[in-house]
Protein backbone atom coordinates (compact mmCIF):
# COMPACT_ATOMS: atom_id res chain seq x y z
CA MET A 1 7.29 -23.41 24.80
CA MET A 2 10.75 -23.04 23.33
CA LEU A 3 11.84 -19.68 22.02
CA PRO A 4 13.83 -19.56 18.80
CA SER A 5 17.56 -19.10 18.99
CA ARG A 6 18.85 -15.54 18.86
CA HIS A 7 20.87 -16.47 15.80
CA TYR A 8 17.93 -18.01 13.99
CA GLU A 9 17.09 -16.49 10.61
CA SER A 10 13.97 -17.58 8.77
CA GLU A 11 14.06 -18.64 5.15
CA HIS A 12 11.97 -15.62 4.21
CA THR A 13 14.34 -13.19 5.91
CA ARG A 14 17.32 -14.85 4.27
CA PHE A 15 15.61 -14.74 0.87
CA ILE A 16 14.80 -11.02 1.12
CA ARG A 17 18.29 -10.16 2.40
CA GLU A 18 19.97 -12.10 -0.42
CA LEU A 19 17.60 -10.67 -3.03
CA LEU A 20 18.39 -7.11 -1.96
CA GLN A 21 22.11 -7.85 -2.01
CA GLU A 22 21.84 -9.17 -5.57
CA ARG A 23 19.48 -6.44 -6.80
CA PRO A 24 19.91 -3.23 -4.75
CA GLU A 25 17.89 -1.24 -7.32
CA LEU A 26 14.73 -2.89 -5.97
CA VAL A 27 14.75 -0.55 -2.98
CA GLU A 28 14.51 2.51 -5.24
CA LYS A 29 11.84 0.86 -7.41
CA GLN A 30 9.85 0.14 -4.25
CA ARG A 31 10.08 3.82 -3.24
CA GLU A 32 8.91 4.90 -6.70
CA ALA A 33 5.96 2.52 -6.62
CA ARG A 34 4.98 3.70 -3.15
CA ALA A 35 5.07 7.30 -4.37
CA ILE A 36 2.68 6.43 -7.19
CA TRP A 37 0.10 4.63 -5.08
CA TRP A 38 0.40 5.96 -1.52
CA ASP A 39 2.42 9.14 -1.09
CA LYS A 40 0.19 12.03 -2.15
CA ARG A 41 0.98 15.72 -2.34
CA PRO A 42 -1.27 18.10 -0.36
CA ARG A 43 -2.77 19.44 -3.60
CA GLU A 44 -3.79 15.94 -4.70
CA LEU A 45 -5.33 15.28 -1.28
CA ALA A 46 -7.31 18.55 -1.48
CA GLU A 47 -8.64 17.59 -4.92
CA GLU A 48 -9.63 14.16 -3.66
CA ARG A 49 -11.39 15.72 -0.64
CA THR A 50 -13.33 18.05 -2.98
CA MET A 51 -14.41 15.12 -5.14
CA ASP A 52 -15.51 13.17 -2.06
CA GLN A 53 -17.58 16.09 -0.79
CA SER A 54 -19.30 16.59 -4.14
CA ARG A 55 -20.22 12.94 -4.53
CA VAL A 56 -23.96 12.28 -4.93
CA PRO A 57 -25.32 9.81 -2.37
CA GLN A 58 -26.43 6.53 -3.88
CA SER A 59 -29.25 4.38 -2.57
CA PRO A 60 -28.17 1.10 -0.96
CA TYR A 61 -29.84 -0.97 -3.66
CA VAL A 62 -29.34 0.73 -7.01
CA TYR A 63 -31.83 -1.44 -8.90
CA ASP A 64 -34.74 -0.50 -6.67
CA SER A 65 -36.82 2.12 -8.50
CA ASP A 66 -38.82 3.09 -5.38
CA SER A 67 -35.96 4.82 -3.60
């Protein structure tokens, strides 16, 4: 098995590097988007935990009237 050259750069790596050189604002937009969807404040996490704890269990098959 041959290992790739140390100087090898994939097309994908080159594309991302060139894209970020042309549009450096994408890094900040990526941070903002991450903050919206992933980074949560402790208060938001506490609210989510409370909602999870107060959730009513649902039967596995919701259309079954016997359960």
